[in-house]
Amino acid sequence: MPTPPRGGDFDIQQVTTQLEQGDFRGIWHYTVQKAQKYLLSG
């Protein structure tokens, strides 16, 4: 499995862990954060 470039990418492992814990608010926050960073970077 190729390693994704660092920086603005989605950490699927973190999301999976949060899903297992039922931390949907955490996932939402993380997703919004990544989206904002992505949009701001161009």
C-alpha atoms as a PDB file:
ATOM      1  CA  MET A   1       0.000   0.000   0.000  1.00  0.00           C
ATOM      2  CA  PRO A   2       1.560   3.301  -1.098  1.00  0.00           C
ATOM      3  CA  THR A   3       2.111   5.966   1.499  1.00  0.00           C
ATOM      4  CA  PRO A   4       0.075   9.074   0.828  1.00  0.00           C
ATOM      5  CA  PRO A   5       1.949  12.383   0.617  1.00  0.00           C
ATOM      6  CA  ARG A   6       2.195  14.240   3.896  1.00  0.00           C
ATOM      7  CA  GLY A   7       0.307  17.393   4.636  1.00  0.00           C
ATOM      8  CA  GLY A   8      -3.223  17.818   3.373  1.00  0.00           C
ATOM      9  CA  ASP A   9      -4.219  14.183   3.052  1.00  0.00           C
ATOM     10  CA  PHE A  10      -6.832  12.186   4.753  1.00  0.00           C
ATOM     11  CA  ASP A  11      -5.632   9.894   7.512  1.00  0.00           C
ATOM     12  CA  ILE A  12      -7.872   6.888   6.914  1.00  0.00           C
ATOM     13  CA  GLN A  13      -6.390   5.135   9.944  1.00  0.00           C
ATOM     14  CA  GLN A  14      -7.457   7.956  12.254  1.00  0.00           C
ATOM     15  CA  VAL A  15     -10.929   8.039  10.744  1.00  0.00           C
ATOM     16  CA  THR A  16     -11.253   4.263  11.065  1.00  0.00           C
ATOM     17  CA  THR A  17     -10.238   4.436  14.715  1.00  0.00           C
ATOM     18  CA  GLN A  18     -12.756   7.196  15.368  1.00  0.00           C
ATOM     19  CA  LEU A  19     -15.466   5.211  13.574  1.00  0.00           C
ATOM     20  CA  GLU A  20     -14.753   2.183  15.750  1.00  0.00           C
ATOM     21  CA  GLN A  21     -15.106   4.387  18.803  1.00  0.00           C
ATOM     22  CA  GLY A  22     -18.260   5.999  17.424  1.00  0.00           C
ATOM     23  CA  ASP A  23     -16.591   9.409  17.467  1.00  0.00           C
ATOM     24  CA  PHE A  24     -18.641  10.967  14.694  1.00  0.00           C
ATOM     25  CA  ARG A  25     -18.154  14.486  15.982  1.00  0.00           C
ATOM     26  CA  GLY A  26     -14.403  13.916  15.844  1.00  0.00           C
ATOM     27  CA  ILE A  27     -14.654  12.639  12.281  1.00  0.00           C
ATOM     28  CA  TRP A  28     -16.777  15.609  11.252  1.00  0.00           C
ATOM     29  CA  HIS A  29     -14.345  18.060  12.838  1.00  0.00           C
ATOM     30  CA  TYR A  30     -11.390  16.306  11.220  1.00  0.00           C
ATOM     31  CA  THR A  31     -13.091  16.270   7.818  1.00  0.00           C
ATOM     32  CA  VAL A  32     -14.011  19.957   7.997  1.00  0.00           C
ATOM     33  CA  GLN A  33     -10.465  20.791   9.082  1.00  0.00           C
ATOM     34  CA  LYS A  34      -8.984  18.883   6.142  1.00  0.00           C
ATOM     35  CA  ALA A  35     -11.477  20.408   3.728  1.00  0.00           C
ATOM     36  CA  GLN A  36     -10.668  23.936   4.895  1.00  0.00           C
ATOM     37  CA  LYS A  37      -6.933  23.285   4.640  1.00  0.00           C
ATOM     38  CA  TYR A  38      -7.438  21.864   1.147  1.00  0.00           C
ATOM     39  CA  LEU A  39      -9.586  24.781   0.024  1.00  0.00           C
ATOM     40  CA  LEU A  40      -7.247  27.372   1.508  1.00  0.00           C
ATOM     41  CA  SER A  41      -4.165  25.792  -0.044  1.00  0.00           C
ATOM     42  CA  GLY A  42      -5.647  26.158  -3.431  1.00  0.00           C
END
